[in-house]
């Protein structure tokens, strides 16, 4: 008789733990969905469309003065003259 009561108590404890685990798993799925939604909203707000992130660096050589294509064979690989 004592063994039967112990098994029933153990079964009840397992059922309670299973119920709590399922509730936590369900809550975790809701949180994952909310985090995904928030991440998408923030990413749309942080980068305006049509703009590149960060600052552009200026060319340290100022600009290219000329491109020479005088010699034969340079049509495919032009030489920059600075």
PDB file of N, CA and C in Angstrom:
ATOM      1  N   UNK A   1       0.820  -1.185   0.000  1.00  0.00           N
ATOM      2  CA  UNK A   1       0.000   0.000   0.000  1.00  0.00           C
ATOM      3  C   UNK A   1       0.874   1.262   0.000  1.00  0.00           C
ATOM      4  N   UNK A   2       1.940   1.254   0.750  1.00  0.00           N
ATOM      5  CA  UNK A   2       2.828   2.411   0.832  1.00  0.00           C
ATOM      6  C   UNK A   2       3.485   2.675  -0.509  1.00  0.00           C
ATOM      7  N   UNK A   3       3.842   1.619  -1.210  1.00  0.00           N
ATOM      8  CA  UNK A   3       4.464   1.772  -2.523  1.00  0.00           C
ATOM      9  C   UNK A   3       3.487   2.397  -3.517  1.00  0.00           C
ATOM     10  N   UNK A   4       2.247   2.050  -3.443  1.00  0.00           N
ATOM     11  CA  UNK A   4       1.221   2.602  -4.322  1.00  0.00           C
ATOM     12  C   UNK A   4       1.051   4.098  -4.081  1.00  0.00           C
ATOM     13  N   UNK A   5       1.035   4.489  -2.820  1.00  0.00           N
ATOM     14  CA  UNK A   5       0.914   5.912  -2.488  1.00  0.00           C
ATOM     15  C   UNK A   5       2.145   6.692  -2.968  1.00  0.00           C
ATOM     16  N   UNK A   6       3.300   6.091  -2.837  1.00  0.00           N
ATOM     17  CA  UNK A   6       4.531   6.738  -3.281  1.00  0.00           C
ATOM     18  C   UNK A   6       4.516   6.911  -4.797  1.00  0.00           C
ATOM     19  N   UNK A   7       4.048   5.885  -5.508  1.00  0.00           N
ATOM     20  CA  UNK A   7       3.960   5.970  -6.971  1.00  0.00           C
ATOM     21  C   UNK A   7       2.953   7.041  -7.402  1.00  0.00           C
ATOM     22  N   UNK A   8       1.830   7.129  -6.692  1.00  0.00           N
ATOM     23  CA  UNK A   8       0.821   8.140  -7.009  1.00  0.00           C
ATOM     24  C   UNK A   8       1.377   9.548  -6.764  1.00  0.00           C
ATOM     25  N   UNK A   9       2.088   9.721  -5.657  1.00  0.00           N
ATOM     26  CA  UNK A   9       2.678  11.015  -5.338  1.00  0.00           C
ATOM     27  C   UNK A   9       3.736  11.380  -6.377  1.00  0.00           C
ATOM     28  N   UNK A  10       4.535  10.400  -6.777  1.00  0.00           N
ATOM     29  CA  UNK A  10       5.557  10.630  -7.788  1.00  0.00           C
ATOM     30  C   UNK A  10       4.913  10.994  -9.130  1.00  0.00           C
ATOM     31  N   UNK A  11       3.860  10.282  -9.485  1.00  0.00           N
ATOM     32  CA  UNK A  11       3.136  10.570 -10.726  1.00  0.00           C
ATOM     33  C   UNK A  11       2.553  11.977 -10.714  1.00  0.00           C
ATOM     34  N   UNK A  12       1.993  12.384  -9.585  1.00  0.00           N
ATOM     35  CA  UNK A  12       1.439  13.736  -9.448  1.00  0.00           C
ATOM     36  C   UNK A  12       2.540  14.790  -9.578  1.00  0.00           C
ATOM     37  N   UNK A  13       3.669  14.533  -8.957  1.00  0.00           N
ATOM     38  CA  UNK A  13       4.800  15.467  -9.061  1.00  0.00           C
ATOM     39  C   UNK A  13       5.280  15.588 -10.504  1.00  0.00           C
ATOM     40  N   UNK A  14       5.354  14.474 -11.206  1.00  0.00           N
ATOM     41  CA  UNK A  14       5.773  14.488 -12.612  1.00  0.00           C
ATOM     42  C   UNK A  14       4.771  15.267 -13.456  1.00  0.00           C
ATOM     43  N   UNK A  15       3.481  15.090 -13.194  1.00  0.00           N
ATOM     44  CA  UNK A  15       2.456  15.827 -13.930  1.00  0.00           C
ATOM     45  C   UNK A  15       2.566  17.335 -13.681  1.00  0.00           C
ATOM     46  N   UNK A  16       2.823  17.722 -12.446  1.00  0.00           N
ATOM     47  CA  UNK A  16       2.974  19.139 -12.121  1.00  0.00           C
ATOM     48  C   UNK A  16       4.206  19.732 -12.814  1.00  0.00           C
ATOM     49  N   UNK A  17       5.294  18.994 -12.769  1.00  0.00           N
ATOM     50  CA  UNK A  17       6.515  19.473 -13.424  1.00  0.00           C
ATOM     51  C   UNK A  17       6.342  19.569 -14.939  1.00  0.00           C
ATOM     52  N   UNK A  18       5.657  18.588 -15.520  1.00  0.00           N
ATOM     53  CA  UNK A  18       5.399  18.612 -16.960  1.00  0.00           C
ATOM     54  C   UNK A  18       4.545  19.820 -17.322  1.00  0.00           C
ATOM     55  N   UNK A  19       3.538  20.094 -16.513  1.00  0.00           N
ATOM     56  CA  UNK A  19       2.665  21.247 -16.748  1.00  0.00           C
ATOM     57  C   UNK A  19       3.456  22.549 -16.665  1.00  0.00           C
ATOM     58  N   UNK A  20       4.306  22.672 -15.657  1.00  0.00           N
ATOM     59  CA  UNK A  20       5.128  23.875 -15.507  1.00  0.00           C
ATOM     60  C   UNK A  20       6.115  24.010 -16.666  1.00  0.00           C
ATOM     61  N   UNK A  21       6.698  22.913 -17.077  1.00  0.00           N
ATOM     62  CA  UNK A  21       7.638  22.942 -18.202  1.00  0.00           C
ATOM     63  C   UNK A  21       6.936  23.402 -19.477  1.00  0.00           C
ATOM     64  N   UNK A  22       5.737  22.879 -19.733  1.00  0.00           N
ATOM     65  CA  UNK A  22       4.984  23.274 -20.921  1.00  0.00           C
ATOM     66  C   UNK A  22       4.626  24.765 -20.888  1.00  0.00           C
ATOM     67  N   UNK A  23       4.281  25.273 -19.698  1.00  0.00           N
ATOM     68  CA  UNK A  23       3.963  26.696 -19.563  1.00  0.00           C
ATOM     69  C   UNK A  23       5.204  27.553 -19.853  1.00  0.00           C
ATOM     70  N   UNK A  24       6.346  27.136 -19.359  1.00  0.00           N
ATOM     71  CA  UNK A  24       7.597  27.875 -19.598  1.00  0.00           C
ATOM     72  C   UNK A  24       7.968  27.818 -21.084  1.00  0.00           C
ATOM     73  N   UNK A  25       7.817  26.666 -21.710  1.00  0.00           N
ATOM     74  CA  UNK A  25       8.132  26.524 -23.134  1.00  0.00           C
ATOM     75  C   UNK A  25       7.224  27.415 -23.978  1.00  0.00           C
ATOM     76  N   UNK A  26       5.955  27.470 -23.623  1.00  0.00           N
ATOM     77  CA  UNK A  26       5.010  28.322 -24.339  1.00  0.00           C
ATOM     78  C   UNK A  26       5.379  29.795 -24.181  1.00  0.00           C
ATOM     79  N   UNK A  27       5.719  30.180 -22.967  1.00  0.00           N
ATOM     80  CA  UNK A  27       6.120  31.562 -22.706  1.00  0.00           C
ATOM     81  C   UNK A  27       7.394  31.906 -23.470  1.00  0.00           C
ATOM     82  N   UNK A  28       8.324  30.984 -23.568  1.00  0.00           N
ATOM     83  CA  UNK A  28       9.566  31.205 -24.306  1.00  0.00           C
ATOM     84  C   UNK A  28       9.279  31.450 -25.785  1.00  0.00           C
ATOM     85  N   UNK A  29       8.335  30.702 -26.361  1.00  0.00           N
ATOM     86  CA  UNK A  29       7.981  30.912 -27.765  1.00  0.00           C
ATOM     87  C   UNK A  29       7.404  32.308 -27.980  1.00  0.00           C
ATOM     88  N   UNK A  30       6.562  32.764 -27.049  1.00  0.00           N
ATOM     89  CA  UNK A  30       5.988  34.104 -27.143  1.00  0.00           C
ATOM     90  C   UNK A  30       7.092  35.148 -27.066  1.00  0.00           C
ATOM     91  N   UNK A  31       8.034  34.969 -26.160  1.00  0.00           N
ATOM     92  CA  UNK A  31       9.145  35.915 -26.020  1.00  0.00           C
ATOM     93  C   UNK A  31      10.009  35.935 -27.276  1.00  0.00           C
ATOM     94  N   UNK A  32      10.277  34.778 -27.867  1.00  0.00           N
ATOM     95  CA  UNK A  32      11.067  34.714 -29.097  1.00  0.00           C
ATOM     96  C   UNK A  32      10.378  35.488 -30.222  1.00  0.00           C
ATOM     97  N   UNK A  33       9.068  35.322 -30.334  1.00  0.00           N
ATOM     98  CA  UNK A  33       8.305  36.040 -31.351  1.00  0.00           C
ATOM     99  C   UNK A  33       8.377  37.544 -31.119  1.00  0.00           C
ATOM    100  N   UNK A  34       8.230  37.972 -29.876  1.00  0.00           N
ATOM    101  CA  UNK A  34       8.283  39.396 -29.557  1.00  0.00           C
ATOM    102  C   UNK A  34       9.666  39.981 -29.842  1.00  0.00           C
ATOM    103  N   UNK A  35      10.718  39.248 -29.510  1.00  0.00           N
ATOM    104  CA  UNK A  35      12.082  39.726 -29.763  1.00  0.00           C
ATOM    105  C   UNK A  35      12.309  39.866 -31.264  1.00  0.00           C
ATOM    106  N   UNK A  36      11.822  38.919 -32.043  1.00  0.00           N
ATOM    107  CA  UNK A  36      11.957  38.997 -33.498  1.00  0.00           C
ATOM    108  C   UNK A  36      11.232  40.224 -34.041  1.00  0.00           C
ATOM    109  N   UNK A  37      10.023  40.468 -33.556  1.00  0.00           N
ATOM    110  CA  UNK A  37       9.255  41.627 -34.014  1.00  0.00           C
ATOM    111  C   UNK A  37       9.952  42.936 -33.643  1.00  0.00           C
ATOM    112  N   UNK A  38      10.458  43.028 -32.433  1.00  0.00           N
ATOM    113  CA  UNK A  38      11.146  44.240 -31.981  1.00  0.00           C
ATOM    114  C   UNK A  38      12.415  44.460 -32.797  1.00  0.00           C
ATOM    115  N   UNK A  39      13.151  43.396 -33.069  1.00  0.00           N
ATOM    116  CA  UNK A  39      14.379  43.499 -33.856  1.00  0.00           C
ATOM    117  C   UNK A  39      14.078  44.025 -35.253  1.00  0.00           C
ATOM    118  N   UNK A  40      13.022  43.536 -35.865  1.00  0.00           N
ATOM    119  CA  UNK A  40      12.643  44.006 -37.198  1.00  0.00           C
ATOM    120  C   UNK A  40      12.242  45.474 -37.169  1.00  0.00           C
ATOM    121  N   UNK A  41      11.506  45.888 -36.156  1.00  0.00           N
ATOM    122  CA  UNK A  41      11.088  47.285 -36.045  1.00  0.00           C
ATOM    123  C   UNK A  41      12.287  48.202 -35.846  1.00  0.00           C
ATOM    124  N   UNK A  42      13.211  47.797 -34.991  1.00  0.00           N
ATOM    125  CA  UNK A  42      14.386  48.627 -34.708  1.00  0.00           C
ATOM    126  C   UNK A  42      15.280  48.714 -35.936  1.00  0.00           C
ATOM    127  N   UNK A  43      15.445  47.626 -36.666  1.00  0.00           N
ATOM    128  CA  UNK A  43      16.319  47.652 -37.839  1.00  0.00           C
ATOM    129  C   UNK A  43      15.750  48.574 -38.914  1.00  0.00           C
ATOM    130  N   UNK A  44      14.435  48.659 -39.025  1.00  0.00           N
ATOM    131  CA  UNK A  44      13.833  49.567 -39.999  1.00  0.00           C
ATOM    132  C   UNK A  44      13.998  51.021 -39.572  1.00  0.00           C
ATOM    133  N   UNK A  45      14.003  51.273 -38.277  1.00  0.00           N
ATOM    134  CA  UNK A  45      14.131  52.641 -37.788  1.00  0.00           C
ATOM    135  C   UNK A  45      15.559  53.145 -37.819  1.00  0.00           C
ATOM    136  N   UNK A  46      16.521  52.258 -37.588  1.00  0.00           N
ATOM    137  CA  UNK A  46      17.904  52.691 -37.427  1.00  0.00           C
ATOM    138  C   UNK A  46      18.596  53.020 -38.744  1.00  0.00           C
ATOM    139  N   UNK A  47      18.151  52.458 -39.865  1.00  0.00           N
ATOM    140  CA  UNK A  47      18.804  52.718 -41.143  1.00  0.00           C
ATOM    141  C   UNK A  47      17.786  53.265 -42.136  1.00  0.00           C
ATOM    142  N   UNK A  48      17.812  54.569 -42.341  1.00  0.00           N
ATOM    143  CA  UNK A  48      16.886  55.133 -43.323  1.00  0.00           C
ATOM    144  C   UNK A  48      17.159  54.551 -44.703  1.00  0.00           C
ATOM    145  N   UNK A  49      16.115  54.309 -45.461  1.00  0.00           N
ATOM    146  CA  UNK A  49      16.284  53.735 -46.787  1.00  0.00           C
ATOM    147  C   UNK A  49      16.981  54.724 -47.702  1.00  0.00           C
ATOM    148  N   UNK A  50      17.885  54.207 -48.527  1.00  0.00           N
ATOM    149  CA  UNK A  50      18.608  55.034 -49.468  1.00  0.00           C
ATOM    150  C   UNK A  50      19.883  55.633 -48.907  1.00  0.00           C
ATOM    151  N   UNK A  51      20.228  55.312 -47.674  1.00  0.00           N
ATOM    152  CA  UNK A  51      21.447  55.842 -47.067  1.00  0.00           C
ATOM    153  C   UNK A  51      22.369  54.686 -46.689  1.00  0.00           C
ATOM    154  N   UNK A  52      23.649  54.898 -46.886  1.00  0.00           N
ATOM    155  CA  UNK A  52      24.621  53.896 -46.485  1.00  0.00           C
ATOM    156  C   UNK A  52      25.020  54.126 -45.030  1.00  0.00           C
ATOM    157  N   UNK A  53      25.205  53.071 -44.258  1.00  0.00           N
ATOM    158  CA  UNK A  53      25.626  53.250 -42.869  1.00  0.00           C
ATOM    159  C   UNK A  53      27.082  53.708 -42.786  1.00  0.00           C
ATOM    160  N   UNK A  54      27.419  54.412 -41.739  1.00  0.00           N
ATOM    161  CA  UNK A  54      28.800  54.835 -41.516  1.00  0.00           C
ATOM    162  C   UNK A  54      29.159  56.084 -42.300  1.00  0.00           C
ATOM    163  N   UNK A  55      30.395  56.493 -42.142  1.00  0.00           N
ATOM    164  CA  UNK A  55      30.885  57.681 -42.835  1.00  0.00           C
ATOM    165  C   UNK A  55      31.789  57.258 -43.985  1.00  0.00           C
ATOM    166  N   UNK A  56      31.649  57.947 -45.095  1.00  0.00           N
ATOM    167  CA  UNK A  56      32.493  57.644 -46.241  1.00  0.00           C
ATOM    168  C   UNK A  56      33.847  58.311 -46.067  1.00  0.00           C
ATOM    169  N   UNK A  57      34.885  57.627 -46.488  1.00  0.00           N
ATOM    170  CA  UNK A  57      36.235  58.189 -46.414  1.00  0.00           C
ATOM    171  C   UNK A  57      36.549  58.893 -47.726  1.00  0.00           C
ATOM    172  N   UNK A  58      37.215  60.021 -47.640  1.00  0.00           N
ATOM    173  CA  UNK A  58      37.622  60.724 -48.858  1.00  0.00           C
ATOM    174  C   UNK A  58      38.854  60.053 -49.438  1.00  0.00           C
ATOM    175  N   UNK A  59      39.010  60.174 -50.740  1.00  0.00           N
ATOM    176  CA  UNK A  59      40.160  59.609 -51.433  1.00  0.00           C
ATOM    177  C   UNK A  59      41.407  60.381 -51.015  1.00  0.00           C
ATOM    178  N   UNK A  60      42.385  59.686 -50.486  1.00  0.00           N
ATOM    179  CA  UNK A  60      43.599  60.354 -50.006  1.00  0.00           C
ATOM    180  C   UNK A  60      44.419  60.948 -51.161  1.00  0.00           C
ATOM    181  N   UNK A  61      44.188  60.505 -52.370  1.00  0.00           N
ATOM    182  CA  UNK A  61      44.926  61.034 -53.530  1.00  0.00           C
ATOM    183  C   UNK A  61      44.128  62.143 -54.227  1.00  0.00           C
ATOM    184  N   UNK A  62      43.101  62.605 -53.616  1.00  0.00           N
ATOM    185  CA  UNK A  62      42.217  63.644 -54.140  1.00  0.00           C
ATOM    186  C   UNK A  62      41.380  63.126 -55.302  1.00  0.00           C
ATOM    187  N   UNK A  63      41.943  62.961 -56.462  1.00  0.00           N
ATOM    188  CA  UNK A  63      41.195  62.492 -57.617  1.00  0.00           C
ATOM    189  C   UNK A  63      42.158  61.976 -58.685  1.00  0.00           C
ATOM    190  N   UNK A  64      41.600  61.316 -59.680  1.00  0.00           N
ATOM    191  CA  UNK A  64      42.411  60.800 -60.783  1.00  0.00           C
ATOM    192  C   UNK A  64      42.476  61.885 -61.847  1.00  0.00           C
ATOM    193  N   UNK A  65      43.680  62.192 -62.307  1.00  0.00           N
ATOM    194  CA  UNK A  65      43.853  63.235 -63.308  1.00  0.00           C
ATOM    195  C   UNK A  65      43.552  62.748 -64.715  1.00  0.00           C
ATOM    196  N   UNK A  66      43.951  61.525 -65.049  1.00  0.00           N
ATOM    197  CA  UNK A  66      43.753  61.047 -66.417  1.00  0.00           C
ATOM    198  C   UNK A  66      43.840  59.532 -66.452  1.00  0.00           C
ATOM    199  N   UNK A  67      43.250  58.973 -67.483  1.00  0.00           N
ATOM    200  CA  UNK A  67      43.383  57.540 -67.750  1.00  0.00           C
ATOM    201  C   UNK A  67      43.939  57.420 -69.158  1.00  0.00           C
ATOM    202  N   UNK A  68      45.077  56.748 -69.277  1.00  0.00           N
ATOM    203  CA  UNK A  68      45.740  56.628 -70.575  1.00  0.00           C
ATOM    204  C   UNK A  68      45.359  55.310 -71.226  1.00  0.00           C
ATOM    205  N   UNK A  69      44.960  55.366 -72.505  1.00  0.00           N
ATOM    206  CA  UNK A  69      44.651  54.158 -73.267  1.00  0.00           C
ATOM    207  C   UNK A  69      45.382  54.216 -74.603  1.00  0.00           C
ATOM    208  N   UNK A  70      46.560  54.809 -74.604  1.00  0.00           N
ATOM    209  CA  UNK A  70      47.310  55.045 -75.828  1.00  0.00           C
ATOM    210  C   UNK A  70      47.973  53.778 -76.372  1.00  0.00           C
ATOM    211  N   UNK A  71      48.549  52.990 -75.484  1.00  0.00           N
ATOM    212  CA  UNK A  71      49.326  51.848 -75.940  1.00  0.00           C
ATOM    213  C   UNK A  71      48.433  50.675 -76.280  1.00  0.00           C
ATOM    214  N   UNK A  72      48.943  49.817 -77.130  1.00  0.00           N
ATOM    215  CA  UNK A  72      48.208  48.641 -77.550  1.00  0.00           C
ATOM    216  C   UNK A  72      48.077  47.670 -76.375  1.00  0.00           C
ATOM    217  N   UNK A  73      46.934  47.079 -76.204  1.00  0.00           N
ATOM    218  CA  UNK A  73      46.713  46.118 -75.129  1.00  0.00           C
ATOM    219  C   UNK A  73      46.185  46.736 -73.847  1.00  0.00           C
ATOM    220  N   UNK A  74      46.152  48.064 -73.790  1.00  0.00           N
ATOM    221  CA  UNK A  74      45.659  48.718 -72.582  1.00  0.00           C
ATOM    222  C   UNK A  74      44.145  48.914 -72.587  1.00  0.00           C
ATOM    223  N   UNK A  75      43.494  48.518 -73.690  1.00  0.00           N
ATOM    224  CA  UNK A  75      42.046  48.699 -73.767  1.00  0.00           C
ATOM    225  C   UNK A  75      41.332  47.935 -72.647  1.00  0.00           C
ATOM    226  N   UNK A  76      41.877  46.783 -72.290  1.00  0.00           N
ATOM    227  CA  UNK A  76      41.249  45.964 -71.257  1.00  0.00           C
ATOM    228  C   UNK A  76      41.712  46.371 -69.862  1.00  0.00           C
ATOM    229  N   UNK A  77      42.946  46.861 -69.734  1.00  0.00           N
ATOM    230  CA  UNK A  77      43.509  47.248 -68.442  1.00  0.00           C
ATOM    231  C   UNK A  77      44.093  48.656 -68.528  1.00  0.00           C
ATOM    232  N   UNK A  78      43.286  49.692 -68.433  1.00  0.00           N
ATOM    233  CA  UNK A  78      43.825  51.056 -68.532  1.00  0.00           C
ATOM    234  C   UNK A  78      44.756  51.379 -67.374  1.00  0.00           C
ATOM    235  N   UNK A  79      45.687  52.294 -67.634  1.00  0.00           N
ATOM    236  CA  UNK A  79      46.664  52.723 -66.645  1.00  0.00           C
ATOM    237  C   UNK A  79      46.240  54.077 -66.122  1.00  0.00           C
ATOM    238  N   UNK A  80      46.233  54.262 -64.820  1.00  0.00           N
ATOM    239  CA  UNK A  80      45.894  55.550 -64.235  1.00  0.00           C
ATOM    240  C   UNK A  80      47.149  56.410 -64.100  1.00  0.00           C
ATOM    241  N   UNK A  81      47.076  57.640 -64.557  1.00  0.00           N
ATOM    242  CA  UNK A  81      48.185  58.576 -64.464  1.00  0.00           C
ATOM    243  C   UNK A  81      47.819  59.586 -63.396  1.00  0.00           C
ATOM    244  N   UNK A  82      48.633  59.671 -62.349  1.00  0.00           N
ATOM    245  CA  UNK A  82      48.332  60.587 -61.262  1.00  0.00           C
ATOM    246  C   UNK A  82      49.215  61.794 -61.300  1.00  0.00           C
TER     247      UNK A  82
END
